[in-house]
Protein backbone atom coordinates (compact mmCIF):
# COMPACT_ATOMS: atom_id res chain seq x y z
CA MET A 1 -0.02 0.00 0.00
CA LEU A 2 2.83 2.42 0.81
CA LEU A 3 4.47 1.71 -2.46
CA ALA A 4 1.26 2.24 -4.47
CA GLY A 5 0.38 5.36 -2.49
CA SER A 6 3.76 6.98 -2.93
CA VAL A 7 3.74 6.24 -6.69
CA ILE A 8 0.26 7.70 -7.04
CA LEU A 9 1.29 10.78 -5.05
CA LEU A 10 4.44 11.38 -7.21
CA LEU A 11 2.40 10.90 -10.38
CA ALA A 12 -0.15 13.45 -9.09
CA ILE A 13 2.58 15.96 -8.31
CA LEU A 14 4.08 15.52 -11.75
CA ALA A 15 0.61 15.99 -13.17
CA VAL A 16 0.52 19.52 -11.77
CA ARG A 17 3.39 20.51 -14.04
CA ALA A 18 1.76 18.80 -16.97
CA SER A 19 -1.52 20.58 -16.30
CA VAL A 20 0.12 23.97 -16.28
CA ARG A 21 1.78 23.31 -19.62
CA ILE A 22 -1.40 22.18 -21.40
CA GLY A 23 -3.61 24.70 -19.62
CA LEU A 24 -5.84 22.03 -18.03
CA PRO A 25 -6.85 22.40 -14.41
CA SER A 26 -5.08 19.79 -12.24
CA LEU A 27 -8.31 18.75 -10.57
CA LEU A 28 -9.50 17.10 -13.80
CA ILE A 29 -6.28 15.07 -13.92
CA TYR A 30 -6.79 13.93 -10.32
CA LEU A 31 -10.42 12.99 -11.00
CA ALA A 32 -9.23 11.01 -14.06
CA MET A 33 -6.64 9.25 -11.92
CA GLY A 34 -9.29 8.35 -9.38
CA ILE A 35 -11.55 6.90 -12.19
CA LEU A 36 -8.59 4.86 -13.56
CA LEU A 37 -7.83 3.49 -10.13
CA GLY A 38 -11.48 2.60 -9.59
CA GLU A 39 -13.28 -0.62 -10.10
CA ALA A 40 -14.03 0.13 -13.79
CA VAL A 41 -10.33 0.01 -14.71
CA LEU A 42 -7.80 -1.11 -12.11
CA GLY A 43 -10.36 -2.63 -9.79
CA ILE A 44 -10.19 -0.55 -6.57
CA HIS A 45 -13.63 -0.66 -5.07
CA PHE A 46 -14.87 2.36 -3.16
CA ASP A 47 -18.53 3.34 -2.72
CA ASP A 48 -18.66 4.56 0.86
CA ALA A 49 -20.48 7.91 0.51
CA LYS A 50 -20.31 8.60 4.27
CA THR A 51 -16.52 8.18 4.31
CA ALA A 52 -16.22 10.34 1.18
CA HIS A 53 -18.35 13.00 2.87
CA ALA A 54 -16.24 12.98 6.02
CA LEU A 55 -12.88 12.95 4.21
CA GLY A 56 -14.11 15.57 1.77
CA PHE A 57 -14.99 17.98 4.61
CA ALA A 58 -11.58 17.31 6.21
CA ALA A 59 -9.81 18.16 2.95
CA LEU A 60 -11.86 21.37 2.58
CA VAL A 61 -10.88 22.41 6.08
CA VAL A 62 -7.18 22.13 5.06
CA ILE A 63 -7.83 23.97 1.70
CA LEU A 64 -9.70 26.75 3.38
CA THR A 65 -6.95 27.12 6.00
CA GLU A 66 -4.37 27.57 3.22
CA GLY A 67 -6.67 30.03 1.44
CA GLY A 68 -7.12 32.12 4.54
CA LEU A 69 -3.48 32.13 5.46
CA THR A 70 -2.49 33.41 1.99
CA THR A 71 -5.23 35.94 1.56
CA LYS A 72 -4.23 39.56 2.22
CA TRP A 73 -6.69 41.49 4.37
CA ALA A 74 -5.88 44.60 2.34
CA ASP A 75 -7.32 42.84 -0.70
CA VAL A 76 -10.31 41.51 1.07
CA ARG A 77 -11.37 44.53 3.02
CA PRO A 78 -12.71 46.73 0.15
CA SER A 79 -14.54 43.71 -1.39
CA LEU A 80 -15.92 42.23 1.84
CA THR A 81 -19.48 43.42 1.13
CA VAL A 82 -19.44 42.03 -2.42
CA GLY A 83 -18.15 38.62 -1.23
CA LEU A 84 -20.68 38.43 1.62
CA LEU A 85 -23.57 39.28 -0.74
CA LEU A 86 -22.43 36.68 -3.25
CA ALA A 87 -22.12 34.08 -0.50
CA THR A 88 -25.70 34.72 0.74
CA LEU A 89 -28.03 36.59 -1.55
CA GLY A 90 -26.21 35.38 -4.63
CA ILE A 91 -26.37 31.75 -3.53
CA THR A 92 -30.16 32.17 -2.96
CA VAL A 93 -30.73 33.50 -6.44
CA SER A 94 -28.67 30.74 -7.99
CA VAL A 95 -30.45 27.97 -6.05
CA VAL A 96 -33.86 29.31 -7.04
CA VAL A 97 -32.88 29.67 -10.80
CA VAL A 98 -31.31 26.22 -11.06
CA ALA A 99 -34.21 24.62 -9.14
CA LEU A 100 -36.76 26.22 -11.46
CA VAL A 101 -34.91 24.90 -14.58
CA ALA A 102 -34.35 21.46 -13.01
CA HIS A 103 -38.06 21.17 -12.23
CA TYR A 104 -39.62 22.57 -15.38
CA VAL A 105 -37.01 21.56 -17.95
CA LEU A 106 -35.54 18.34 -16.61
CA ASP A 107 -38.84 17.31 -15.01
CA LEU A 108 -37.30 16.64 -11.54
CA PRO A 109 -39.50 16.73 -8.49
CA TRP A 110 -39.22 19.90 -6.40
CA GLU A 111 -37.17 18.09 -3.67
CA LEU A 112 -34.54 16.90 -6.16
CA ALA A 113 -34.67 20.19 -8.04
CA LEU A 114 -33.89 22.15 -4.91
CA LEU A 115 -31.22 19.66 -3.99
CA VAL A 116 -29.56 20.07 -7.37
CA GLY A 117 -29.74 23.90 -6.99
CA ALA A 118 -28.13 23.72 -3.48
CA ILE A 119 -25.39 21.33 -4.48
CA THR A 120 -24.35 23.20 -7.69
CA SER A 121 -24.57 26.78 -6.52
CA PRO A 122 -21.48 27.20 -4.22
CA THR A 123 -18.19 28.12 -5.82
CA ASP A 124 -15.27 25.99 -4.82
CA ALA A 125 -12.42 27.25 -2.61
CA ALA A 126 -9.91 24.79 -4.09
CA ALA A 127 -10.67 25.91 -7.60
CA VAL A 128 -10.73 29.58 -6.76
CA PHE A 129 -7.52 29.57 -4.80
CA THR A 130 -5.64 27.43 -7.38
CA VAL A 131 -6.90 28.95 -10.62
CA LEU A 132 -7.44 32.60 -9.90
CA ARG A 133 -4.14 33.18 -8.12
CA SER A 134 -2.35 32.54 -11.36
CA VAL A 135 -4.23 35.51 -12.89
CA PRO A 136 -3.07 39.07 -11.90
CA LEU A 137 -6.59 40.29 -11.09
CA ARG A 138 -7.43 43.52 -9.40
CA PRO A 139 -7.16 42.86 -5.69
CA SER A 140 -10.75 43.79 -5.08
CA LEU A 141 -12.05 41.19 -7.59
CA ARG A 142 -9.78 38.48 -6.26
CA GLY A 143 -10.75 39.33 -2.70
CA ALA A 144 -14.47 39.17 -3.51
CA LEU A 145 -14.16 35.79 -5.10
CA GLU A 146 -12.01 34.42 -2.24
CA VAL A 147 -14.43 35.69 0.44
CA GLU A 148 -17.41 34.19 -1.52
CA SER A 149 -15.72 30.74 -1.84
CA GLY A 150 -14.70 30.84 1.82
CA LEU A 151 -18.14 31.59 3.15
CA ASN A 152 -20.73 30.29 0.76
CA ASP A 153 -20.44 26.75 2.06
CA ALA A 154 -22.46 27.53 5.18
CA PRO A 155 -25.91 28.08 3.67
CA THR A 156 -25.48 25.42 0.96
CA VAL A 157 -24.19 22.68 3.30
CA LEU A 158 -27.09 23.38 5.64
CA LEU A 159 -29.60 23.30 2.80
CA VAL A 160 -28.28 20.10 1.36
CA VAL A 161 -28.27 18.41 4.77
CA LEU A 162 -31.77 19.52 5.53
CA LEU A 163 -33.12 18.52 2.16
CA SER A 164 -31.48 15.13 2.47
CA ALA A 165 -32.90 14.48 5.92
CA PRO A 166 -36.06 12.36 6.10
CA GLY A 167 -38.00 15.19 7.82
CA GLY A 168 -36.97 17.87 5.36
CA ILE A 169 -36.71 21.51 6.40
CA GLU A 170 -38.36 22.21 9.72
CA GLY A 171 -39.66 25.59 10.61
CA GLY A 172 -40.22 26.65 7.00
CA PRO A 173 -38.23 29.24 5.02
CA LEU A 174 -38.07 31.75 7.99
CA GLY A 175 -36.65 29.03 10.24
CA PHE A 176 -34.03 28.13 7.59
CA VAL A 177 -33.02 31.77 7.15
CA GLY A 178 -32.62 32.12 10.96
CA ILE A 179 -30.38 29.01 11.03
CA VAL A 180 -28.24 30.25 8.18
CA VAL A 181 -27.77 33.65 9.82
CA TYR A 182 -26.87 31.97 13.11
CA GLU A 183 -24.41 29.62 11.45
CA LEU A 184 -22.72 32.38 9.42
CA VAL A 185 -22.51 34.97 12.24
CA GLY A 186 -21.57 32.33 14.78
CA GLY A 187 -18.86 30.87 12.52
CA VAL A 188 -17.36 34.27 11.77
CA LEU A 189 -17.37 35.38 15.40
CA LEU A 190 -15.94 32.09 16.64
CA GLY A 191 -13.33 32.14 13.88
CA ALA A 192 -12.28 35.64 14.67
CA LEU A 193 -12.03 34.71 18.41
CA ALA A 194 -9.87 31.68 17.64
CA GLY A 195 -7.72 33.69 15.30
CA LEU A 196 -7.14 36.46 17.82
CA ALA A 197 -6.38 33.99 20.64
CA GLY A 198 -4.09 31.99 18.39
CA ALA A 199 -2.14 35.06 17.20
CA VAL A 200 -1.62 36.23 20.78
CA MET A 201 -0.40 32.81 21.90
CA LEU A 202 2.00 32.39 18.98
CA ARG A 203 3.51 35.81 19.51
CA ARG A 204 4.00 35.25 23.23
CA VAL A 205 5.12 31.63 23.36
CA ALA A 206 8.57 30.88 21.83
CA LEU A 207 8.38 27.31 20.48
CA PRO A 208 11.53 25.28 20.59
CA ALA A 209 11.57 24.53 16.85
CA SER A 210 10.52 26.59 13.88
CA GLY A 211 8.70 23.57 12.36
CA LEU A 212 6.24 23.60 15.24
CA TYR A 213 4.71 26.96 14.21
CA PRO A 214 3.02 25.70 11.02
CA ILE A 215 1.63 22.68 12.89
CA THR A 216 0.32 24.88 15.63
CA VAL A 217 -1.37 27.16 13.17
CA LEU A 218 -3.02 24.20 11.49
CA ALA A 219 -4.11 22.86 14.83
CA ILE A 220 -5.67 26.21 15.74
CA ALA A 221 -7.56 26.22 12.42
CA VAL A 222 -8.87 22.72 12.86
CA LEU A 223 -9.85 23.51 16.46
CA SER A 224 -11.82 26.51 15.18
CA TYR A 225 -13.71 24.31 12.75
CA ALA A 226 -14.41 21.64 15.34
CA GLY A 227 -15.48 24.14 17.98
CA ALA A 228 -17.86 25.93 15.66
CA SER A 229 -19.33 22.68 14.46
CA ALA A 230 -19.88 21.56 18.03
CA LEU A 231 -21.88 24.73 18.62
CA HIS A 232 -23.81 24.21 15.39
CA ALA A 233 -22.22 27.24 13.77
CA SER A 234 -20.50 27.14 10.38
CA GLY A 235 -17.20 25.34 10.74
CA PHE A 236 -16.10 26.35 7.25
CA ALA A 237 -16.73 30.00 7.90
CA ALA A 238 -14.87 29.69 11.25
CA VAL A 239 -11.76 28.05 9.80
CA TYR A 240 -11.47 30.54 6.95
CA ILE A 241 -11.80 33.56 9.30
CA THR A 242 -9.37 32.00 11.75
CA ALA A 243 -6.79 31.38 9.01
CA LEU A 244 -7.37 34.84 7.54
CA TRP A 245 -6.78 36.40 10.94
CA LEU A 246 -3.59 34.36 11.60
CA GLY A 247 -2.30 34.99 8.04
CA ASN A 248 -2.51 38.70 8.48
CA SER A 249 -1.05 38.74 12.02
CA GLU A 250 2.57 39.36 12.91
CA LEU A 251 3.45 35.73 13.53
CA PRO A 252 6.87 34.18 13.79
CA HIS A 253 7.96 32.19 10.75
CA ARG A 254 4.89 33.38 8.80
CA SER A 255 6.31 32.59 5.38
CA SER A 256 7.31 29.06 6.27
CA THR A 257 3.86 28.57 7.80
CA ARG A 258 2.23 29.66 4.55
CA SER A 259 4.54 27.34 2.59
CA PHE A 260 3.68 24.40 4.82
CA ALA A 261 -0.02 25.14 4.48
CA GLU A 262 0.27 25.42 0.70
CA GLY A 263 1.99 22.07 0.42
CA PHE A 264 -0.54 20.45 2.84
CA ALA A 265 -3.43 21.96 0.82
CA TRP A 266 -2.03 20.41 -2.42
CA LEU A 267 -1.88 17.05 -0.69
CA ALA A 268 -5.52 17.55 0.51
CA GLN A 269 -6.57 18.51 -3.04
CA ILE A 270 -4.81 15.48 -4.58
CA GLY A 271 -6.35 13.07 -2.09
CA LEU A 272 -9.78 14.69 -2.32
CA PHE A 273 -10.13 14.59 -6.06
CA ILE A 274 -8.65 11.06 -6.49
CA MET A 275 -11.11 9.87 -3.80
CA LEU A 276 -14.03 11.50 -5.64
CA GLY A 277 -12.88 9.91 -8.83
CA LEU A 278 -12.85 6.50 -7.11
CA LEU A 279 -16.43 7.16 -6.01
CA VAL A 280 -17.56 7.52 -9.62
CA SER A 281 -18.83 4.48 -11.52
CA PRO A 282 -18.62 5.18 -15.31
CA SER A 283 -21.01 2.29 -15.95
CA ASP A 284 -23.75 4.19 -14.08
CA PHE A 285 -23.68 7.16 -16.49
CA ASP A 286 -26.22 7.46 -19.27
CA VAL A 287 -27.34 10.07 -21.76
CA ALA A 288 -29.66 11.68 -19.24
CA HIS A 289 -26.87 12.38 -16.87
CA LEU A 290 -24.78 13.95 -19.64
CA VAL A 291 -27.70 16.07 -20.83
CA GLY A 292 -28.63 17.09 -17.35
CA GLY A 293 -25.05 18.07 -16.45
CA VAL A 294 -24.66 20.18 -19.62
CA VAL A 295 -28.04 21.78 -19.20
CA ILE A 296 -27.57 22.70 -15.55
CA GLY A 297 -24.03 23.84 -16.30
CA ALA A 298 -25.23 26.13 -19.05
CA VAL A 299 -27.98 27.55 -16.82
CA LEU A 300 -25.46 28.18 -14.05
CA THR A 301 -23.01 29.87 -16.36
CA LEU A 302 -25.31 31.83 -18.65
CA LEU A 303 -28.21 32.64 -16.35
CA ALA A 304 -28.03 31.85 -12.64
CA ARG A 305 -24.49 33.19 -11.96
CA PRO A 306 -24.82 36.38 -13.99
CA LEU A 307 -28.25 37.11 -12.45
CA SER A 308 -26.97 36.53 -8.92
CA VAL A 309 -24.00 38.93 -9.65
CA VAL A 310 -26.28 41.60 -11.04
CA VAL A 311 -28.67 41.36 -8.01
CA CYS A 312 -25.71 41.63 -5.58
CA ALA A 313 -24.06 44.42 -7.56
CA LEU A 314 -27.15 46.63 -7.72
CA PRO A 315 -26.66 48.40 -4.40
CA LEU A 316 -22.85 48.61 -4.84
CA LYS A 317 -22.70 50.08 -8.37
CA LEU A 318 -19.92 47.76 -9.46
CA PRO A 319 -18.42 48.55 -12.90
CA TRP A 320 -19.86 46.33 -15.62
CA ARG A 321 -16.45 44.85 -16.45
CA GLU A 322 -16.06 43.60 -12.87
CA GLN A 323 -19.63 42.26 -12.96
CA GLY A 324 -18.84 40.46 -16.20
CA PHE A 325 -15.78 38.76 -14.78
CA LEU A 326 -17.52 37.84 -11.55
CA SER A 327 -20.30 36.30 -13.59
CA LEU A 328 -17.88 34.04 -15.43
CA ALA A 329 -15.55 33.25 -12.53
CA GLY A 330 -17.89 31.18 -10.41
CA LEU A 331 -15.64 28.12 -10.46
CA ARG A 332 -17.01 24.78 -9.38
CA GLY A 333 -14.84 21.88 -8.19
CA ALA A 334 -14.77 19.58 -5.23
CA VAL A 335 -17.48 21.22 -3.14
CA PRO A 336 -20.44 20.29 -5.37
CA ILE A 337 -19.20 16.74 -5.69
CA VAL A 338 -18.69 16.37 -1.93
CA LEU A 339 -22.13 17.82 -1.30
CA ALA A 340 -23.59 15.34 -3.83
CA ALA A 341 -22.29 12.51 -1.67
CA ILE A 342 -24.54 13.58 1.23
CA PRO A 343 -27.82 12.53 -0.37
CA ILE A 344 -26.25 9.20 -1.26
CA ALA A 345 -25.17 8.68 2.36
CA GLU A 346 -28.70 9.52 3.47
CA ARG A 347 -30.19 7.20 0.91
CA VAL A 348 -32.26 9.83 -0.83
CA PRO A 349 -34.08 8.38 -3.83
CA ARG A 350 -32.30 9.02 -7.14
CA ALA A 351 -29.30 10.44 -5.19
CA VAL A 352 -26.90 8.53 -7.54
CA ASP A 353 -28.50 10.30 -10.54
CA VAL A 354 -27.93 13.69 -8.82
CA PHE A 355 -24.30 12.75 -8.14
CA ASN A 356 -23.67 11.79 -11.74
CA VAL A 357 -25.24 14.99 -13.05
CA VAL A 358 -23.17 17.06 -10.71
CA PHE A 359 -20.01 15.24 -11.70
CA VAL A 360 -20.64 15.87 -15.41
CA LEU A 361 -21.40 19.55 -14.63
CA VAL A 362 -18.12 20.02 -12.64
CA VAL A 363 -16.06 18.43 -15.39
CA VAL A 364 -17.75 20.41 -18.19
CA LEU A 365 -17.59 23.76 -16.42
CA THR A 366 -13.95 23.26 -15.38
CA VAL A 367 -12.90 22.37 -18.98
CA VAL A 368 -14.78 25.30 -20.47
CA THR A 369 -14.29 28.11 -17.95
CA ALA A 370 -11.03 27.65 -16.09
CA PRO A 371 -8.65 27.79 -19.03
CA ALA A 372 -10.48 30.75 -20.51
CA LEU A 373 -10.32 32.93 -17.33
CA PRO A 374 -6.94 34.62 -18.07
CA TRP A 375 -8.18 35.53 -21.60
CA ILE A 376 -11.51 36.79 -20.20
CA ALA A 377 -9.74 38.85 -17.60
CA THR A 378 -7.51 40.43 -20.27
CA ARG A 379 -10.43 41.16 -22.59
CA LEU A 380 -12.50 42.74 -19.75
CA ARG A 381 -9.45 44.74 -18.63
CA VAL A 382 -9.65 43.64 -15.01
CA ILE A 383 -5.96 42.66 -14.86
CA GLU A 384 -3.69 44.86 -12.75
CA GLU A 385 0.04 44.24 -12.76
CA ARG A 386 1.49 45.43 -9.51
CA PRO A 387 5.01 45.40 -8.08
CA ARG A 388 5.44 42.37 -5.86
CA ASP A 389 5.85 42.80 -2.11
CA ALA A 390 9.15 41.97 -0.63
CA GLU A 391 9.24 38.50 0.96
CA VAL A 392 9.54 38.86 4.72
CA GLU A 393 10.21 36.05 7.19
CA ALA A 394 10.44 36.63 10.95
CA ALA A 395 11.92 34.75 13.87
CA PRO A 396 11.75 35.83 17.58
CA LEU A 397 14.92 36.85 19.45
CA GLU A 398 13.67 36.11 22.98
CA HIS A 399 16.50 37.48 25.14
CA ILE A 400 16.44 40.95 23.71
CA ASP A 401 12.69 41.30 23.05
CA ALA A 402 13.26 41.76 19.32
CA ASP A 403 12.49 40.04 16.03
CA LEU A 404 14.81 39.11 13.26
CA LEU A 405 13.26 39.72 9.81
CA GLN A 406 14.65 38.08 6.75
CA VAL A 407 13.71 40.07 3.62
CA TYR A 408 14.17 38.94 0.06
CA ILE A 409 14.02 41.53 -2.67
CA THR A 410 12.14 40.11 -5.55
CA GLN A 411 12.67 40.93 -9.21
CA GLN A 412 9.54 43.14 -9.36
CA SER A 413 10.25 44.96 -6.07
CA ARG A 414 10.93 48.66 -6.07
CA LEU A 415 13.30 48.28 -3.20
CA HIS A 416 15.90 47.84 -5.99
CA GLY A 417 17.99 50.97 -6.15
CA VAL A 418 16.95 52.31 -2.77
CA GLU A 419 19.63 53.24 -0.22
CA ILE A 420 19.37 51.93 3.37
CA GLY A 421 18.96 55.43 4.73
CA GLU A 422 16.02 56.04 2.39
CA LEU A 423 14.09 53.22 3.90
CA ARG A 424 13.22 55.45 6.97
CA LEU A 425 12.73 52.46 9.23
CA PRO A 426 11.43 52.91 12.87
CA PRO A 427 14.01 54.05 15.43
CA GLY A 428 15.96 51.13 16.81
CA THR A 429 15.58 49.10 13.64
CA SER A 430 18.57 48.30 11.63
CA VAL A 431 19.56 46.39 8.52
CA SER A 432 22.37 44.28 10.08
CA LEU A 433 23.44 42.11 7.14
CA ILE A 434 23.00 41.78 3.38
CA VAL A 435 23.69 38.58 1.42
CA ARG A 436 24.36 39.36 -2.27
CA ASP A 437 25.63 36.85 -4.78
CA ARG A 438 26.43 34.44 -1.91
CA THR A 439 28.56 37.08 -0.22
CA SER A 440 27.58 38.64 3.06
CA PHE A 441 28.50 42.10 4.28
CA THR A 442 27.47 44.69 6.80
CA PRO A 443 25.72 47.68 5.07
CA ASP A 444 25.78 51.31 5.96
CA LEU A 445 23.19 54.13 5.31
CA ARG A 446 24.56 54.69 1.80
CA THR A 447 24.37 50.99 0.71
CA THR A 448 22.14 50.59 -2.30
CA LEU A 449 19.79 47.61 -2.37
CA LYS A 450 19.54 45.37 -5.41
CA ARG A 451 17.28 42.67 -6.77
CA GLY A 452 17.99 39.27 -5.30
CA ASP A 453 19.40 40.69 -2.06
CA ASP A 454 18.64 38.95 1.22
CA LEU A 455 18.46 41.34 4.18
CA LEU A 456 18.58 40.57 7.87
CA VAL A 457 16.67 43.26 9.74
CA VAL A 458 16.62 43.50 13.57
CA THR A 459 13.66 45.37 14.98
CA PRO A 460 12.18 45.87 18.43
CA ARG A 461 9.16 43.54 18.85
CA ARG A 462 6.88 46.50 19.43
CA ASP A 463 7.91 47.96 16.04
CA ARG A 464 7.81 44.80 13.96
CA GLY A 465 4.45 45.68 12.34
CA ALA A 466 5.57 49.17 11.49
CA THR A 467 8.83 47.86 10.07
CA GLU A 468 7.08 45.31 7.84
CA ARG A 469 4.55 47.86 6.58
CA ARG A 470 7.30 50.26 5.77
CA LEU A 471 9.36 47.65 3.91
CA GLN A 472 6.30 46.54 1.96
CA ALA A 473 5.32 50.20 1.14
CA VAL A 474 8.74 50.89 -0.31
CA SER A 475 8.67 47.58 -2.19
CA ARG A 476 5.48 48.70 -3.89
CA GLY A 477 6.00 52.41 -4.23
CA GLY A 478 9.81 52.97 -4.20
CA ARG A 479 11.77 55.45 -2.18
CA LEU A 480 8.94 58.01 -2.24
CA ALA A 481 6.48 55.62 -0.59
CA GLY A 482 4.47 57.30 2.03
CA TRP A 483 4.51 60.69 0.34
CA MET A 484 1.42 59.56 -1.63
CA ARG A 485 -1.55 57.85 0.07
CA ASP A 486 -1.80 54.98 -2.46
CA ASP A 487 1.68 53.75 -1.69
CA GLU A 488 0.90 52.77 1.89
């Protein structure tokens, strides 16, 4: 088993490079690997929907953790309202539109029609974080899509669970709305509380090894999810907010923590999509599933998603170009397939048909929309090339109540050509060492920084935040950063 597992993992990792070259999203390759490993080809039998549901949720927790850790609050803040509206009002519009089409066009009973609408409406965090971060979008657009994908699971998971339960939705529509509000608000508040507590703890407790910091951050995120779920709040909202808080806090070894989370999220994605591929039985598919998947996919892309964006954008007066991109960037991936496993686990009649339709929909939409997004973004002029931030890593120096920052000057950074004295760092902060072309030296105030330099900066712990903000401001705006408001 270890030999087979390691070979599969290596092949999946190599598939990432291949998918980038051919412009095909890696999730499709992983799904194909799962199908090939399944009983239809290599004979591995897996049909446990409950296990798939549980493991799928666990993988999504890891993926949302990585997404939150690597999301910049500065990008999310101006688009928070848009993201929240898309995750709530937008989801409602999408569910209603898809359910109407599924009922009147595909002749599904209302229970299944609503189930299909709820399963297919949420965007997927794995797809959004993987695909969109390769496109240099305007930060506000990227932030809106990331907030939406991080928070829209709460209402849809609840709706799918209630529709799959034998008793259906108790309390009627108003009761459902009340539960959704409680889950979202409770999840956000608990996530913020866990993030705040975790950040304070990590700043005050010096762990004996740097490798313990990423593990601790992951444990805090999982604890946030578990705690919120135990209180019947949204665990997905909680884990995303916790990770967002931690990722934007002044934590020790923040860069290595993000790198660890990114690698672990890739592992979760690989395992998730291969498992979902194993769950598929190609022999169960027929023409009705293919037609249903294509029809629902077309309705989502051409009607439900654009309408939900327009409704959410009305009070905000978003530019039509941004509305157009938001309408086409509602990526689907693992979340709908994982949600489609819930009715199977609950033995809902025709649940397998729903699963097959959803699987076809995800594959078709991914093939059609994901590779086209860079071209669409260019045509709609929503791309914004910005200088890259300097890469800053921090480690605590306990005995002198200071932090050591390691700063790497990237090729796009405007720190290039700036003298040390022009940085105007906080009092008591000094650039103690520069490594250039594998040679280290002690700089003075007239030393000019260059691309590829590694800087060691010692700063009092109380000034770490100001030091990082100053370095990033100069990295984006050059030596005159701070003289103009947009640079900060």
